[in-house]
Amino acid sequence: MIKNISVEVNTNLTDGEELDYGGGITVIQVPGHTPGHLCLYHEKSKSLIAGDANIIHG
C-alpha cells in the first residue's frame, strides 16, 4: 500500500497563476468535492494534472 504523508502548506495558489516550472504551468481552480481542489495545466505538452483522477494499479 501507499503510505499517506502530511506536508506543511507554505504557498497559496490562485486561479490563473503561472508557475515557472517545466516551461510554465497554469493553476486552474476546479471547486468540487474537496476544498481548494485544483488542476495544473502544462501548456507545452498539453497535459492536465488532476490529482484526484489518478488510479493506482497494484
PDB file of N, CA and C in Angstrom:
ATOM      1  N   MET A   1       0.833  -1.184   0.000  1.00  0.00           N
ATOM      2  CA  MET A   1       0.000   0.000   0.000  1.00  0.00           C
ATOM      3  C   MET A   1       0.877   1.245   0.000  1.00  0.00           C
ATOM      4  N   ILE A   2       0.266   2.309  -0.397  1.00  0.00           N
ATOM      5  CA  ILE A   2       0.958   3.596  -0.390  1.00  0.00           C
ATOM      6  C   ILE A   2       0.700   4.269   0.941  1.00  0.00           C
ATOM      7  N   LYS A   3       1.756   4.768   1.541  1.00  0.00           N
ATOM      8  CA  LYS A   3       1.648   5.435   2.838  1.00  0.00           C
ATOM      9  C   LYS A   3       1.322   6.913   2.637  1.00  0.00           C
ATOM     10  N   ASN A   4       0.276   7.389   3.300  1.00  0.00           N
ATOM     11  CA  ASN A   4      -0.053   8.816   3.253  1.00  0.00           C
ATOM     12  C   ASN A   4       0.905   9.580   4.151  1.00  0.00           C
ATOM     13  N   ILE A   5       1.331  10.736   3.667  1.00  0.00           N
ATOM     14  CA  ILE A   5       2.205  11.588   4.461  1.00  0.00           C
ATOM     15  C   ILE A   5       1.570  12.974   4.572  1.00  0.00           C
ATOM     16  N   SER A   6       1.918  13.696   5.599  1.00  0.00           N
ATOM     17  CA  SER A   6       1.439  15.057   5.783  1.00  0.00           C
ATOM     18  C   SER A   6       2.549  16.024   5.412  1.00  0.00           C
ATOM     19  N   VAL A   7       2.160  17.134   4.811  1.00  0.00           N
ATOM     20  CA  VAL A   7       3.119  18.180   4.475  1.00  0.00           C
ATOM     21  C   VAL A   7       2.558  19.520   4.921  1.00  0.00           C
ATOM     22  N   GLU A   8       3.442  20.448   5.215  1.00  0.00           N
ATOM     23  CA  GLU A   8       3.029  21.790   5.622  1.00  0.00           C
ATOM     24  C   GLU A   8       2.811  22.649   4.383  1.00  0.00           C
ATOM     25  N   VAL A   9       1.689  23.336   4.324  1.00  0.00           N
ATOM     26  CA  VAL A   9       1.402  24.248   3.217  1.00  0.00           C
ATOM     27  C   VAL A   9       2.156  25.540   3.458  1.00  0.00           C
ATOM     28  N   ASN A  10       2.980  25.950   2.468  1.00  0.00           N
ATOM     29  CA  ASN A  10       3.743  27.184   2.631  1.00  0.00           C
ATOM     30  C   ASN A  10       3.468  28.198   1.519  1.00  0.00           C
ATOM     31  N   THR A  11       2.573  27.848   0.593  1.00  0.00           N
ATOM     32  CA  THR A  11       2.219  28.731  -0.505  1.00  0.00           C
ATOM     33  C   THR A  11       0.758  28.518  -0.882  1.00  0.00           C
ATOM     34  N   ASN A  12       0.036  29.601  -1.121  1.00  0.00           N
ATOM     35  CA  ASN A  12      -1.331  29.506  -1.630  1.00  0.00           C
ATOM     36  C   ASN A  12      -1.305  29.813  -3.114  1.00  0.00           C
ATOM     37  N   LEU A  13      -1.974  28.986  -3.906  1.00  0.00           N
ATOM     38  CA  LEU A  13      -2.047  29.191  -5.344  1.00  0.00           C
ATOM     39  C   LEU A  13      -3.403  29.788  -5.698  1.00  0.00           C
ATOM     40  N   THR A  14      -3.446  30.600  -6.766  1.00  0.00           N
ATOM     41  CA  THR A  14      -4.692  31.215  -7.193  1.00  0.00           C
ATOM     42  C   THR A  14      -5.000  30.838  -8.643  1.00  0.00           C
ATOM     43  N   ASP A  15      -6.263  30.855  -8.968  1.00  0.00           N
ATOM     44  CA  ASP A  15      -6.714  30.520 -10.315  1.00  0.00           C
ATOM     45  C   ASP A  15      -6.028  31.409 -11.347  1.00  0.00           C
ATOM     46  N   GLY A  16      -5.477  30.784 -12.385  1.00  0.00           N
ATOM     47  CA  GLY A  16      -4.818  31.529 -13.451  1.00  0.00           C
ATOM     48  C   GLY A  16      -3.358  31.849 -13.197  1.00  0.00           C
ATOM     49  N   GLU A  17      -2.876  31.548 -11.999  1.00  0.00           N
ATOM     50  CA  GLU A  17      -1.473  31.823 -11.674  1.00  0.00           C
ATOM     51  C   GLU A  17      -0.559  30.970 -12.556  1.00  0.00           C
ATOM     52  N   GLU A  18       0.532  31.580 -13.013  1.00  0.00           N
ATOM     53  CA  GLU A  18       1.524  30.887 -13.837  1.00  0.00           C
ATOM     54  C   GLU A  18       2.714  30.499 -12.969  1.00  0.00           C
ATOM     55  N   LEU A  19       3.039  29.218 -12.970  1.00  0.00           N
ATOM     56  CA  LEU A  19       4.191  28.722 -12.217  1.00  0.00           C
ATOM     57  C   LEU A  19       5.353  28.510 -13.186  1.00  0.00           C
ATOM     58  N   ASP A  20       6.539  28.858 -12.762  1.00  0.00           N
ATOM     59  CA  ASP A  20       7.716  28.787 -13.621  1.00  0.00           C
ATOM     60  C   ASP A  20       8.435  27.445 -13.466  1.00  0.00           C
ATOM     61  N   TYR A  21       7.745  26.380 -13.813  1.00  0.00           N
ATOM     62  CA  TYR A  21       8.324  25.036 -13.768  1.00  0.00           C
ATOM     63  C   TYR A  21       8.077  24.371 -15.110  1.00  0.00           C
ATOM     64  N   GLY A  22       9.043  23.651 -15.614  1.00  0.00           N
ATOM     65  CA  GLY A  22       8.862  22.871 -16.830  1.00  0.00           C
ATOM     66  C   GLY A  22       8.391  23.667 -18.025  1.00  0.00           C
ATOM     67  N   GLY A  23       8.773  24.919 -18.102  1.00  0.00           N
ATOM     68  CA  GLY A  23       8.348  25.741 -19.219  1.00  0.00           C
ATOM     69  C   GLY A  23       7.043  26.469 -18.989  1.00  0.00           C
ATOM     70  N   GLY A  24       6.466  26.332 -17.805  1.00  0.00           N
ATOM     71  CA  GLY A  24       5.244  27.056 -17.459  1.00  0.00           C
ATOM     72  C   GLY A  24       4.072  26.152 -17.164  1.00  0.00           C
ATOM     73  N   ILE A  25       3.474  26.355 -16.021  1.00  0.00           N
ATOM     74  CA  ILE A  25       2.308  25.583 -15.593  1.00  0.00           C
ATOM     75  C   ILE A  25       1.247  26.571 -15.113  1.00  0.00           C
ATOM     76  N   THR A  26       0.010  26.377 -15.561  1.00  0.00           N
ATOM     77  CA  THR A  26      -1.094  27.245 -15.175  1.00  0.00           C
ATOM     78  C   THR A  26      -1.943  26.559 -14.118  1.00  0.00           C
ATOM     79  N   VAL A  27      -2.259  27.293 -13.053  1.00  0.00           N
ATOM     80  CA  VAL A  27      -3.119  26.796 -11.981  1.00  0.00           C
ATOM     81  C   VAL A  27      -4.574  27.022 -12.387  1.00  0.00           C
ATOM     82  N   ILE A  28      -5.396  25.976 -12.268  1.00  0.00           N
ATOM     83  CA  ILE A  28      -6.822  26.078 -12.589  1.00  0.00           C
ATOM     84  C   ILE A  28      -7.615  25.615 -11.378  1.00  0.00           C
ATOM     85  N   GLN A  29      -8.397  26.521 -10.784  1.00  0.00           N
ATOM     86  CA  GLN A  29      -9.253  26.125  -9.665  1.00  0.00           C
ATOM     87  C   GLN A  29     -10.448  25.367 -10.214  1.00  0.00           C
ATOM     88  N   VAL A  30     -10.726  24.222  -9.606  1.00  0.00           N
ATOM     89  CA  VAL A  30     -11.877  23.410 -10.009  1.00  0.00           C
ATOM     90  C   VAL A  30     -12.632  22.990  -8.749  1.00  0.00           C
ATOM     91  N   PRO A  31     -13.448  23.905  -8.209  1.00  0.00           N
ATOM     92  CA  PRO A  31     -14.171  23.588  -6.985  1.00  0.00           C
ATOM     93  C   PRO A  31     -15.047  22.361  -7.193  1.00  0.00           C
ATOM     94  N   GLY A  32     -15.128  21.569  -6.168  1.00  0.00           N
ATOM     95  CA  GLY A  32     -15.921  20.351  -6.266  1.00  0.00           C
ATOM     96  C   GLY A  32     -16.030  19.677  -4.923  1.00  0.00           C
ATOM     97  N   HIS A  33     -15.670  18.413  -4.895  1.00  0.00           N
ATOM     98  CA  HIS A  33     -15.863  17.610  -3.689  1.00  0.00           C
ATOM     99  C   HIS A  33     -14.831  17.848  -2.590  1.00  0.00           C
ATOM    100  N   THR A  34     -13.754  18.554  -2.885  1.00  0.00           N
ATOM    101  CA  THR A  34     -12.770  18.858  -1.839  1.00  0.00           C
ATOM    102  C   THR A  34     -12.441  20.342  -1.843  1.00  0.00           C
ATOM    103  N   PRO A  35     -12.301  20.957  -0.664  1.00  0.00           N
ATOM    104  CA  PRO A  35     -11.944  22.374  -0.595  1.00  0.00           C
ATOM    105  C   PRO A  35     -10.544  22.615  -1.175  1.00  0.00           C
ATOM    106  N   GLY A  36     -10.407  23.672  -1.961  1.00  0.00           N
ATOM    107  CA  GLY A  36      -9.096  24.008  -2.514  1.00  0.00           C
ATOM    108  C   GLY A  36      -8.642  23.143  -3.668  1.00  0.00           C
ATOM    109  N   HIS A  37      -9.541  22.345  -4.229  1.00  0.00           N
ATOM    110  CA  HIS A  37      -9.170  21.442  -5.310  1.00  0.00           C
ATOM    111  C   HIS A  37      -8.712  22.239  -6.529  1.00  0.00           C
ATOM    112  N   LEU A  38      -7.649  21.787  -7.178  1.00  0.00           N
ATOM    113  CA  LEU A  38      -7.151  22.459  -8.367  1.00  0.00           C
ATOM    114  C   LEU A  38      -6.521  21.467  -9.322  1.00  0.00           C
ATOM    115  N   CYS A  39      -6.323  21.916 -10.535  1.00  0.00           N
ATOM    116  CA  CYS A  39      -5.599  21.154 -11.549  1.00  0.00           C
ATOM    117  C   CYS A  39      -4.432  22.015 -12.005  1.00  0.00           C
ATOM    118  N   LEU A  40      -3.458  21.377 -12.596  1.00  0.00           N
ATOM    119  CA  LEU A  40      -2.296  22.078 -13.145  1.00  0.00           C
ATOM    120  C   LEU A  40      -2.208  21.746 -14.630  1.00  0.00           C
ATOM    121  N   TYR A  41      -2.088  22.786 -15.459  1.00  0.00           N
ATOM    122  CA  TYR A  41      -2.027  22.591 -16.913  1.00  0.00           C
ATOM    123  C   TYR A  41      -0.657  22.980 -17.433  1.00  0.00           C
ATOM    124  N   HIS A  42      -0.009  22.029 -18.123  1.00  0.00           N
ATOM    125  CA  HIS A  42       1.302  22.263 -18.733  1.00  0.00           C
ATOM    126  C   HIS A  42       1.082  22.494 -20.224  1.00  0.00           C
ATOM    127  N   GLU A  43       1.134  23.766 -20.619  1.00  0.00           N
ATOM    128  CA  GLU A  43       0.819  24.174 -21.997  1.00  0.00           C
ATOM    129  C   GLU A  43       1.707  23.480 -23.025  1.00  0.00           C
ATOM    130  N   LYS A  44       2.998  23.419 -22.751  1.00  0.00           N
ATOM    131  CA  LYS A  44       3.963  22.878 -23.714  1.00  0.00           C
ATOM    132  C   LYS A  44       3.614  21.451 -24.149  1.00  0.00           C
ATOM    133  N   SER A  45       3.212  20.605 -23.206  1.00  0.00           N
ATOM    134  CA  SER A  45       2.879  19.211 -23.532  1.00  0.00           C
ATOM    135  C   SER A  45       1.379  18.975 -23.635  1.00  0.00           C
ATOM    136  N   LYS A  46       0.585  20.041 -23.407  1.00  0.00           N
ATOM    137  CA  LYS A  46      -0.879  19.958 -23.412  1.00  0.00           C
ATOM    138  C   LYS A  46      -1.363  18.883 -22.442  1.00  0.00           C
ATOM    139  N   SER A  47      -0.766  18.891 -21.236  1.00  0.00           N
ATOM    140  CA  SER A  47      -1.087  17.904 -20.205  1.00  0.00           C
ATOM    141  C   SER A  47      -1.813  18.566 -19.045  1.00  0.00           C
ATOM    142  N   LEU A  48      -2.860  17.911 -18.556  1.00  0.00           N
ATOM    143  CA  LEU A  48      -3.593  18.373 -17.389  1.00  0.00           C
ATOM    144  C   LEU A  48      -3.320  17.415 -16.245  1.00  0.00           C
ATOM    145  N   ILE A  49      -2.869  17.945 -15.131  1.00  0.00           N
ATOM    146  CA  ILE A  49      -2.599  17.129 -13.949  1.00  0.00           C
ATOM    147  C   ILE A  49      -3.764  17.338 -12.988  1.00  0.00           C
ATOM    148  N   ALA A  50      -4.540  16.273 -12.777  1.00  0.00           N
ATOM    149  CA  ALA A  50      -5.703  16.320 -11.893  1.00  0.00           C
ATOM    150  C   ALA A  50      -5.507  15.265 -10.819  1.00  0.00           C
ATOM    151  N   GLY A  51      -5.100  15.698  -9.626  1.00  0.00           N
ATOM    152  CA  GLY A  51      -4.716  14.787  -8.548  1.00  0.00           C
ATOM    153  C   GLY A  51      -5.730  13.733  -8.184  1.00  0.00           C
ATOM    154  N   ASP A  52      -7.023  14.048  -8.228  1.00  0.00           N
ATOM    155  CA  ASP A  52      -7.998  13.056  -7.807  1.00  0.00           C
ATOM    156  C   ASP A  52      -8.377  12.096  -8.930  1.00  0.00           C
ATOM    157  N   ALA A  53      -7.776  12.272 -10.102  1.00  0.00           N
ATOM    158  CA  ALA A  53      -8.077  11.381 -11.206  1.00  0.00           C
ATOM    159  C   ALA A  53      -7.031  10.282 -11.380  1.00  0.00           C
ATOM    160  N   ASN A  54      -6.055  10.246 -10.496  1.00  0.00           N
ATOM    161  CA  ASN A  54      -5.018   9.212 -10.592  1.00  0.00           C
ATOM    162  C   ASN A  54      -5.560   7.888 -10.093  1.00  0.00           C
ATOM    163  N   ILE A  55      -5.208   6.836 -10.786  1.00  0.00           N
ATOM    164  CA  ILE A  55      -5.618   5.486 -10.410  1.00  0.00           C
ATOM    165  C   ILE A  55      -4.364   4.665 -10.131  1.00  0.00           C
ATOM    166  N   ILE A  56      -4.353   3.973  -9.017  1.00  0.00           N
ATOM    167  CA  ILE A  56      -3.204   3.143  -8.654  1.00  0.00           C
ATOM    168  C   ILE A  56      -3.534   1.677  -8.969  1.00  0.00           C
ATOM    169  N   HIS A  57      -2.714   1.069  -9.765  1.00  0.00           N
ATOM    170  CA  HIS A  57      -2.881  -0.351 -10.075  1.00  0.00           C
ATOM    171  C   HIS A  57      -1.815  -1.126  -9.317  1.00  0.00           C
ATOM    172  N   GLY A  58      -2.231  -2.165  -8.617  1.00  0.00           N
ATOM    173  CA  GLY A  58      -1.295  -2.930  -7.804  1.00  0.00           C
ATOM    174  C   GLY A  58      -0.808  -4.108  -8.429  1.00  0.00           C
TER     175      GLY A  58
END
